[in-house]
Amino acid sequence: MLGNTEENQELDVFELLEFLSNSTRRKILGLLAEEDLYSFQLSRLLDVSPRIIAKYLAELENIGIVSMVERVSNKGPTRKYAKLNQSFSLIIDVGQNTFNVNYFATSEVVQKLSKEESKKKQELKIQISKELANIRDCVKENIVDIQKLDSQRKVFVQEINKAYIRLNELVEKTVYVYQDRDIIRSIFKILLNKPENKVSLTELASRMRIWRGDLSNRLDRLANETEFIKYEKDRRGEVWYSI
């Protein structure tokens, strides 16, 4: 096994170097570094016979780099997966009067990085949880506000409808021609958006699509016969109506 004692560590390092001299073995380690794989997967991925893959995996297991783990599959029989169980670095120094091969186990470093990664993930989870709670509260508060506004709007609409009913009852009691009642109701609605509470004959004729002369005659008659219509002329001669 690699790195058991200082005495056999050097032997293990050179054993490992010999193992890594084969390109197929290096490719196996490369694939296992990505994810755990079973023998037949490695065989297909590397286009190497299953017998040779099994032999190389056994060698990896013997030197302690890989362990074989049985896993139940949802789509087939139980399989043995090859799993990397060690991480390490090899440093080779070659120079004038120098040849050193050093083996450094990096499992501890990986573990520290894993802990740091786990801490960051936990912080992210807390941040996401807080943000989701904030979004949820914001939406809930606005939904409540909208519901309150909807309730108020219903009350306002009911009051407006009651006011229109009173207007219709008043108009129907005193104005007997439908077209005249329609003109009065139309003027009333137009004046709701007029701060000065008056509208010109020109605008009325345009909006109601009635010839100006006919509309003027009707309005003059309604002004004389009822208390609904009032009118005045400006300096330019434009006639303005109000209720």
C-alpha atoms as a PDB file:
ATOM      1  CA  MET A   1       0.000   0.000   0.000  1.00  0.00           C
ATOM      2  CA  LEU A   2       1.212   3.509  -0.760  1.00  0.00           C
ATOM      3  CA  GLY A   3       2.578   5.621   2.062  1.00  0.00           C
ATOM      4  CA  ASN A   4       2.337   3.068   4.863  1.00  0.00           C
ATOM      5  CA  THR A   5       5.852   3.645   6.261  1.00  0.00           C
ATOM      6  CA  GLU A   6       8.884   5.725   5.340  1.00  0.00           C
ATOM      7  CA  GLU A   7      10.786   2.525   4.506  1.00  0.00           C
ATOM      8  CA  ASN A   8       8.388   1.174   1.911  1.00  0.00           C
ATOM      9  CA  GLN A   9       7.202   4.588   0.678  1.00  0.00           C
ATOM     10  CA  GLU A  10      10.124   4.846  -1.773  1.00  0.00           C
ATOM     11  CA  LEU A  11       9.359   1.364  -3.095  1.00  0.00           C
ATOM     12  CA  ASP A  12       5.707   2.297  -3.471  1.00  0.00           C
ATOM     13  CA  VAL A  13       6.600   5.499  -5.346  1.00  0.00           C
ATOM     14  CA  PHE A  14       8.676   3.660  -7.905  1.00  0.00           C
ATOM     15  CA  GLU A  15       5.998   0.994  -8.141  1.00  0.00           C
ATOM     16  CA  LEU A  16       3.536   3.783  -8.853  1.00  0.00           C
ATOM     17  CA  LEU A  17       5.835   5.342 -11.459  1.00  0.00           C
ATOM     18  CA  GLU A  18       6.074   1.986 -13.210  1.00  0.00           C
ATOM     19  CA  PHE A  19       2.300   1.666 -13.111  1.00  0.00           C
ATOM     20  CA  LEU A  20       1.773   5.150 -14.563  1.00  0.00           C
ATOM     21  CA  SER A  21       4.187   4.496 -17.430  1.00  0.00           C
ATOM     22  CA  ASN A  22       1.319   2.726 -19.222  1.00  0.00           C
ATOM     23  CA  SER A  23      -1.032   5.117 -21.089  1.00  0.00           C
ATOM     24  CA  THR A  24      -4.135   2.929 -20.583  1.00  0.00           C
ATOM     25  CA  ARG A  25      -3.558   2.851 -16.829  1.00  0.00           C
ATOM     26  CA  ARG A  26      -3.215   6.651 -16.800  1.00  0.00           C
ATOM     27  CA  LYS A  27      -6.470   6.974 -18.741  1.00  0.00           C
ATOM     28  CA  ILE A  28      -8.216   4.718 -16.216  1.00  0.00           C
ATOM     29  CA  LEU A  29      -7.111   7.021 -13.381  1.00  0.00           C
ATOM     30  CA  GLY A  30      -8.215  10.038 -15.407  1.00  0.00           C
ATOM     31  CA  LEU A  31     -11.721   8.620 -15.867  1.00  0.00           C
ATOM     32  CA  LEU A  32     -12.018   7.528 -12.226  1.00  0.00           C
ATOM     33  CA  ALA A  33     -11.003  11.026 -11.159  1.00  0.00           C
ATOM     34  CA  GLU A  34     -14.252  12.235 -12.800  1.00  0.00           C
ATOM     35  CA  GLU A  35     -16.608   9.597 -11.382  1.00  0.00           C
ATOM     36  CA  ASP A  36     -16.826   6.035 -10.133  1.00  0.00           C
ATOM     37  CA  LEU A  37     -17.146   3.520 -12.976  1.00  0.00           C
ATOM     38  CA  TYR A  38     -17.541  -0.224 -13.296  1.00  0.00           C
ATOM     39  CA  SER A  39     -15.228  -2.426 -15.340  1.00  0.00           C
ATOM     40  CA  PHE A  40     -17.423  -2.767 -18.448  1.00  0.00           C
ATOM     41  CA  GLN A  41     -17.910   1.031 -18.629  1.00  0.00           C
ATOM     42  CA  LEU A  42     -14.162   1.554 -18.597  1.00  0.00           C
ATOM     43  CA  SER A  43     -13.780  -1.133 -21.255  1.00  0.00           C
ATOM     44  CA  ARG A  44     -16.251   0.629 -23.558  1.00  0.00           C
ATOM     45  CA  LEU A  45     -14.880   4.118 -22.915  1.00  0.00           C
ATOM     46  CA  LEU A  46     -11.261   3.112 -23.533  1.00  0.00           C
ATOM     47  CA  ASP A  47     -11.989   0.460 -26.171  1.00  0.00           C
ATOM     48  CA  VAL A  48      -9.857  -2.021 -24.204  1.00  0.00           C
ATOM     49  CA  SER A  49     -10.818  -5.625 -23.461  1.00  0.00           C
ATOM     50  CA  PRO A  50     -12.620  -6.212 -20.121  1.00  0.00           C
ATOM     51  CA  ARG A  51      -9.920  -8.743 -19.139  1.00  0.00           C
ATOM     52  CA  ILE A  52      -7.155  -6.114 -19.337  1.00  0.00           C
ATOM     53  CA  ILE A  53      -9.297  -3.513 -17.498  1.00  0.00           C
ATOM     54  CA  ALA A  54      -9.969  -6.034 -14.724  1.00  0.00           C
ATOM     55  CA  LYS A  55      -6.234  -6.741 -14.460  1.00  0.00           C
ATOM     56  CA  TYR A  56      -5.327  -3.037 -14.210  1.00  0.00           C
ATOM     57  CA  LEU A  57      -8.071  -2.385 -11.632  1.00  0.00           C
ATOM     58  CA  ALA A  58      -6.752  -5.269  -9.515  1.00  0.00           C
ATOM     59  CA  GLU A  59      -3.264  -3.743  -9.665  1.00  0.00           C
ATOM     60  CA  LEU A  60      -4.633  -0.336  -8.654  1.00  0.00           C
ATOM     61  CA  GLU A  61      -6.467  -1.945  -5.781  1.00  0.00           C
ATOM     62  CA  ASN A  62      -3.312  -3.779  -4.679  1.00  0.00           C
ATOM     63  CA  ILE A  63      -1.300  -0.559  -4.394  1.00  0.00           C
ATOM     64  CA  GLY A  64      -4.142   1.136  -2.514  1.00  0.00           C
ATOM     65  CA  ILE A  65      -5.241   3.784  -5.000  1.00  0.00           C
ATOM     66  CA  VAL A  66      -8.601   2.203  -5.887  1.00  0.00           C
ATOM     67  CA  SER A  67     -11.175   0.269  -3.938  1.00  0.00           C
ATOM     68  CA  MET A  68     -13.977  -1.827  -5.436  1.00  0.00           C
ATOM     69  CA  VAL A  69     -17.471  -1.058  -4.117  1.00  0.00           C
ATOM     70  CA  GLU A  70     -20.647  -3.033  -4.839  1.00  0.00           C
ATOM     71  CA  ARG A  71     -23.700  -0.948  -5.723  1.00  0.00           C
ATOM     72  CA  VAL A  72     -27.261  -1.962  -6.497  1.00  0.00           C
ATOM     73  CA  SER A  73     -28.490  -0.703  -9.879  1.00  0.00           C
ATOM     74  CA  ASN A  74     -32.102   0.208 -10.636  1.00  0.00           C
ATOM     75  CA  LYS A  75     -31.689  -0.969 -14.228  1.00  0.00           C
ATOM     76  CA  GLY A  76     -29.717  -4.163 -13.776  1.00  0.00           C
ATOM     77  CA  PRO A  77     -27.703  -6.438 -11.492  1.00  0.00           C
ATOM     78  CA  THR A  78     -25.433  -5.348  -8.665  1.00  0.00           C
ATOM     79  CA  ARG A  79     -22.145  -4.053 -10.053  1.00  0.00           C
ATOM     80  CA  LYS A  80     -18.664  -3.496  -8.658  1.00  0.00           C
ATOM     81  CA  TYR A  81     -17.568   0.105  -9.123  1.00  0.00           C
ATOM     82  CA  ALA A  82     -13.976   1.246  -9.069  1.00  0.00           C
ATOM     83  CA  LYS A  83     -13.571   4.217  -6.730  1.00  0.00           C
ATOM     84  CA  LEU A  84     -10.516   6.385  -6.092  1.00  0.00           C
ATOM     85  CA  ASN A  85      -9.775   6.329  -2.366  1.00  0.00           C
ATOM     86  CA  GLN A  86      -6.524   8.301  -2.319  1.00  0.00           C
ATOM     87  CA  SER A  87      -5.273  11.619  -3.604  1.00  0.00           C
ATOM     88  CA  PHE A  88      -1.583  12.414  -3.833  1.00  0.00           C
ATOM     89  CA  SER A  89       1.072  14.363  -5.699  1.00  0.00           C
ATOM     90  CA  LEU A  90       4.321  13.132  -7.185  1.00  0.00           C
ATOM     91  CA  ILE A  91       7.179  15.593  -7.547  1.00  0.00           C
ATOM     92  CA  ILE A  92      10.229  14.585  -9.588  1.00  0.00           C
ATOM     93  CA  ASP A  93      13.415  16.667  -9.512  1.00  0.00           C
ATOM     94  CA  VAL A  94      15.956  15.850 -12.232  1.00  0.00           C
ATOM     95  CA  GLY A  95      19.164  17.830 -12.673  1.00  0.00           C
ATOM     96  CA  GLN A  96      22.928  17.760 -12.467  1.00  0.00           C
ATOM     97  CA  ASN A  97      23.685  15.389  -9.573  1.00  0.00           C
ATOM     98  CA  THR A  98      20.010  15.492  -8.663  1.00  0.00           C
ATOM     99  CA  PHE A  99      17.285  12.898  -8.913  1.00  0.00           C
ATOM    100  CA  ASN A 100      14.493  13.033  -6.354  1.00  0.00           C
ATOM    101  CA  VAL A 101      11.040  11.513  -6.397  1.00  0.00           C
ATOM    102  CA  ASN A 102       8.749  12.734  -3.629  1.00  0.00           C
ATOM    103  CA  TYR A 103       5.295  11.497  -2.757  1.00  0.00           C
ATOM    104  CA  PHE A 104       2.836  13.789  -0.967  1.00  0.00           C
ATOM    105  CA  ALA A 105      -0.570  12.622   0.176  1.00  0.00           C
ATOM    106  CA  THR A 106      -3.128  15.385  -0.530  1.00  0.00           C
ATOM    107  CA  SER A 107      -6.172  13.793   1.092  1.00  0.00           C
ATOM    108  CA  GLU A 108      -5.931  16.263   3.968  1.00  0.00           C
ATOM    109  CA  VAL A 109      -5.860  19.219   1.589  1.00  0.00           C
ATOM    110  CA  VAL A 110      -8.835  17.833  -0.331  1.00  0.00           C
ATOM    111  CA  GLN A 111     -10.688  17.349   2.924  1.00  0.00           C
ATOM    112  CA  LYS A 112      -9.988  20.951   3.962  1.00  0.00           C
ATOM    113  CA  LEU A 113     -11.156  22.187   0.574  1.00  0.00           C
ATOM    114  CA  SER A 114     -14.231  19.990   0.889  1.00  0.00           C
ATOM    115  CA  LYS A 115     -14.997  21.494   4.301  1.00  0.00           C
ATOM    116  CA  GLU A 116     -14.548  25.005   2.899  1.00  0.00           C
ATOM    117  CA  GLU A 117     -16.789  24.113  -0.036  1.00  0.00           C
ATOM    118  CA  SER A 118     -19.354  22.708   2.366  1.00  0.00           C
ATOM    119  CA  LYS A 119     -19.203  25.915   4.435  1.00  0.00           C
ATOM    120  CA  LYS A 120     -19.766  28.038   1.319  1.00  0.00           C
ATOM    121  CA  LYS A 121     -22.689  25.842   0.265  1.00  0.00           C
ATOM    122  CA  GLN A 122     -24.210  26.152   3.729  1.00  0.00           C
ATOM    123  CA  GLU A 123     -23.804  29.953   3.638  1.00  0.00           C
ATOM    124  CA  LEU A 124     -25.399  29.993   0.183  1.00  0.00           C
ATOM    125  CA  LYS A 125     -28.302  27.867   1.452  1.00  0.00           C
ATOM    126  CA  ILE A 126     -28.854  30.296   4.350  1.00  0.00           C
ATOM    127  CA  GLN A 127     -28.667  33.268   1.975  1.00  0.00           C
ATOM    128  CA  ILE A 128     -31.126  31.662  -0.466  1.00  0.00           C
ATOM    129  CA  SER A 129     -33.443  30.730   2.405  1.00  0.00           C
ATOM    130  CA  LYS A 130     -33.429  34.312   3.703  1.00  0.00           C
ATOM    131  CA  GLU A 131     -33.968  35.743   0.221  1.00  0.00           C
ATOM    132  CA  LEU A 132     -36.855  33.357  -0.457  1.00  0.00           C
ATOM    133  CA  ALA A 133     -38.431  34.282   2.892  1.00  0.00           C
ATOM    134  CA  ASN A 134     -38.061  37.967   2.035  1.00  0.00           C
ATOM    135  CA  ILE A 135     -39.602  37.482  -1.411  1.00  0.00           C
ATOM    136  CA  ARG A 136     -42.430  35.415   0.061  1.00  0.00           C
ATOM    137  CA  ASP A 137     -43.163  38.058   2.721  1.00  0.00           C
ATOM    138  CA  CYS A 138     -43.072  40.835   0.124  1.00  0.00           C
ATOM    139  CA  VAL A 139     -45.522  39.001  -2.145  1.00  0.00           C
ATOM    140  CA  LYS A 140     -47.808  38.153   0.792  1.00  0.00           C
ATOM    141  CA  GLU A 141     -47.860  41.768   2.006  1.00  0.00           C
ATOM    142  CA  ASN A 142     -48.676  43.069  -1.465  1.00  0.00           C
ATOM    143  CA  ILE A 143     -51.381  40.438  -1.936  1.00  0.00           C
ATOM    144  CA  VAL A 144     -52.950  41.582   1.348  1.00  0.00           C
ATOM    145  CA  ASP A 145     -52.739  45.224   0.196  1.00  0.00           C
ATOM    146  CA  ILE A 146     -54.323  44.318  -3.155  1.00  0.00           C
ATOM    147  CA  GLN A 147     -57.104  42.445  -1.374  1.00  0.00           C
ATOM    148  CA  LYS A 148     -57.726  45.503   0.801  1.00  0.00           C
ATOM    149  CA  LEU A 149     -57.797  47.717  -2.293  1.00  0.00           C
ATOM    150  CA  ASP A 150     -60.145  45.267  -4.021  1.00  0.00           C
ATOM    151  CA  SER A 151     -62.482  45.416  -1.023  1.00  0.00           C
ATOM    152  CA  GLN A 152     -62.365  49.213  -1.025  1.00  0.00           C
ATOM    153  CA  ARG A 153     -62.880  49.283  -4.784  1.00  0.00           C
ATOM    154  CA  LYS A 154     -65.983  47.122  -4.445  1.00  0.00           C
ATOM    155  CA  VAL A 155     -67.394  49.601  -1.936  1.00  0.00           C
ATOM    156  CA  PHE A 156     -66.586  52.553  -4.230  1.00  0.00           C
ATOM    157  CA  VAL A 157     -68.093  50.811  -7.273  1.00  0.00           C
ATOM    158  CA  GLN A 158     -71.260  50.039  -5.300  1.00  0.00           C
ATOM    159  CA  GLU A 159     -71.552  53.696  -4.263  1.00  0.00           C
ATOM    160  CA  ILE A 160     -71.012  54.849  -7.864  1.00  0.00           C
ATOM    161  CA  ASN A 161     -73.668  52.407  -9.090  1.00  0.00           C
ATOM    162  CA  LYS A 162     -76.116  53.688  -6.473  1.00  0.00           C
ATOM    163  CA  ALA A 163     -75.428  57.283  -7.596  1.00  0.00           C
ATOM    164  CA  TYR A 164     -76.090  56.361 -11.261  1.00  0.00           C
ATOM    165  CA  ILE A 165     -79.333  54.653 -10.258  1.00  0.00           C
ATOM    166  CA  ARG A 166     -80.429  57.869  -8.500  1.00  0.00           C
ATOM    167  CA  LEU A 167     -79.455  59.885 -11.610  1.00  0.00           C
ATOM    168  CA  ASN A 168     -81.434  57.572 -13.917  1.00  0.00           C
ATOM    169  CA  GLU A 169     -84.481  57.691 -11.668  1.00  0.00           C
ATOM    170  CA  LEU A 170     -84.338  61.494 -11.582  1.00  0.00           C
ATOM    171  CA  VAL A 171     -83.884  61.825 -15.359  1.00  0.00           C
ATOM    172  CA  GLU A 172     -86.656  59.305 -16.173  1.00  0.00           C
ATOM    173  CA  LYS A 173     -89.131  61.168 -13.942  1.00  0.00           C
ATOM    174  CA  THR A 174     -88.640  64.507 -15.711  1.00  0.00           C
ATOM    175  CA  VAL A 175     -87.407  63.788 -19.259  1.00  0.00           C
ATOM    176  CA  TYR A 176     -89.740  61.709 -21.417  1.00  0.00           C
ATOM    177  CA  VAL A 177     -87.796  61.266 -24.685  1.00  0.00           C
ATOM    178  CA  TYR A 178     -85.123  58.550 -24.688  1.00  0.00           C
ATOM    179  CA  GLN A 179     -82.664  60.500 -26.921  1.00  0.00           C
ATOM    180  CA  ASP A 180     -82.863  63.459 -24.525  1.00  0.00           C
ATOM    181  CA  ARG A 181     -82.208  61.247 -21.506  1.00  0.00           C
ATOM    182  CA  ASP A 182     -79.245  59.700 -23.308  1.00  0.00           C
ATOM    183  CA  ILE A 183     -77.777  63.160 -24.026  1.00  0.00           C
ATOM    184  CA  ILE A 184     -78.113  64.184 -20.370  1.00  0.00           C
ATOM    185  CA  ARG A 185     -76.451  60.962 -19.143  1.00  0.00           C
ATOM    186  CA  SER A 186     -73.631  61.358 -21.694  1.00  0.00           C
ATOM    187  CA  ILE A 187     -72.959  64.967 -20.667  1.00  0.00           C
ATOM    188  CA  PHE A 188     -72.960  63.920 -16.996  1.00  0.00           C
ATOM    189  CA  LYS A 189     -70.288  61.249 -17.624  1.00  0.00           C
ATOM    190  CA  ILE A 190     -68.138  63.571 -19.750  1.00  0.00           C
ATOM    191  CA  LEU A 191     -68.224  66.272 -17.055  1.00  0.00           C
ATOM    192  CA  LEU A 192     -66.837  63.838 -14.474  1.00  0.00           C
ATOM    193  CA  ASN A 193     -63.415  64.341 -16.104  1.00  0.00           C
ATOM    194  CA  LYS A 194     -63.785  68.092 -16.553  1.00  0.00           C
ATOM    195  CA  PRO A 195     -62.357  70.100 -13.612  1.00  0.00           C
ATOM    196  CA  GLU A 196     -64.321  73.198 -14.651  1.00  0.00           C
ATOM    197  CA  ASN A 197     -67.549  71.149 -14.948  1.00  0.00           C
ATOM    198  CA  LYS A 198     -68.351  72.336 -18.470  1.00  0.00           C
ATOM    199  CA  VAL A 199     -67.976  71.023 -22.020  1.00  0.00           C
ATOM    200  CA  SER A 200     -68.163  72.810 -25.367  1.00  0.00           C
ATOM    201  CA  LEU A 201     -70.792  72.168 -28.022  1.00  0.00           C
ATOM    202  CA  THR A 202     -67.991  71.325 -30.475  1.00  0.00           C
ATOM    203  CA  GLU A 203     -66.596  68.562 -28.248  1.00  0.00           C
ATOM    204  CA  LEU A 204     -70.062  67.200 -27.422  1.00  0.00           C
ATOM    205  CA  ALA A 205     -71.054  66.977 -31.096  1.00  0.00           C
ATOM    206  CA  SER A 206     -67.773  65.193 -31.908  1.00  0.00           C
ATOM    207  CA  ARG A 207     -67.926  62.715 -29.035  1.00  0.00           C
ATOM    208  CA  MET A 208     -71.626  61.939 -29.376  1.00  0.00           C
ATOM    209  CA  ARG A 209     -71.477  61.871 -33.210  1.00  0.00           C
ATOM    210  CA  ILE A 210     -74.497  64.144 -33.559  1.00  0.00           C
ATOM    211  CA  TRP A 211     -74.703  66.968 -36.078  1.00  0.00           C
ATOM    212  CA  ARG A 212     -73.830  70.223 -34.301  1.00  0.00           C
ATOM    213  CA  GLY A 213     -77.049  72.035 -35.317  1.00  0.00           C
ATOM    214  CA  ASP A 214     -79.363  69.222 -34.169  1.00  0.00           C
ATOM    215  CA  LEU A 215     -77.498  68.831 -30.865  1.00  0.00           C
ATOM    216  CA  SER A 216     -77.594  72.580 -30.217  1.00  0.00           C
ATOM    217  CA  ASN A 217     -81.382  72.652 -30.754  1.00  0.00           C
ATOM    218  CA  ARG A 218     -81.951  69.730 -28.412  1.00  0.00           C
ATOM    219  CA  LEU A 219     -79.710  71.196 -25.687  1.00  0.00           C
ATOM    220  CA  ASP A 220     -81.364  74.621 -25.923  1.00  0.00           C
ATOM    221  CA  ARG A 221     -84.786  73.019 -25.546  1.00  0.00           C
ATOM    222  CA  LEU A 222     -83.646  70.897 -22.579  1.00  0.00           C
ATOM    223  CA  ALA A 223     -82.129  73.966 -20.940  1.00  0.00           C
ATOM    224  CA  ASN A 224     -85.466  75.810 -21.256  1.00  0.00           C
ATOM    225  CA  GLU A 225     -87.715  72.869 -20.258  1.00  0.00           C
ATOM    226  CA  THR A 226     -85.659  71.254 -17.455  1.00  0.00           C
ATOM    227  CA  GLU A 227     -83.195  72.113 -14.736  1.00  0.00           C
ATOM    228  CA  PHE A 228     -80.629  69.633 -16.030  1.00  0.00           C
ATOM    229  CA  ILE A 229     -78.833  71.647 -18.688  1.00  0.00           C
ATOM    230  CA  LYS A 230     -77.182  75.030 -18.238  1.00  0.00           C
ATOM    231  CA  TYR A 231     -75.172  76.875 -20.885  1.00  0.00           C
ATOM    232  CA  GLU A 232     -73.072  79.981 -21.501  1.00  0.00           C
ATOM    233  CA  LYS A 233     -71.194  81.581 -24.397  1.00  0.00           C
ATOM    234  CA  ASP A 234     -67.596  82.752 -24.324  1.00  0.00           C
ATOM    235  CA  ARG A 235     -66.141  85.765 -26.145  1.00  0.00           C
ATOM    236  CA  ARG A 236     -65.407  83.699 -29.227  1.00  0.00           C
ATOM    237  CA  GLY A 237     -69.011  82.560 -29.467  1.00  0.00           C
ATOM    238  CA  GLU A 238     -68.364  78.974 -28.334  1.00  0.00           C
ATOM    239  CA  VAL A 239     -71.247  77.507 -26.334  1.00  0.00           C
ATOM    240  CA  TRP A 240     -70.406  75.650 -23.105  1.00  0.00           C
ATOM    241  CA  TYR A 241     -72.775  73.262 -21.338  1.00  0.00           C
ATOM    242  CA  SER A 242     -72.903  72.066 -17.771  1.00  0.00           C
ATOM    243  CA  ILE A 243     -75.249  70.173 -15.476  1.00  0.00           C
END
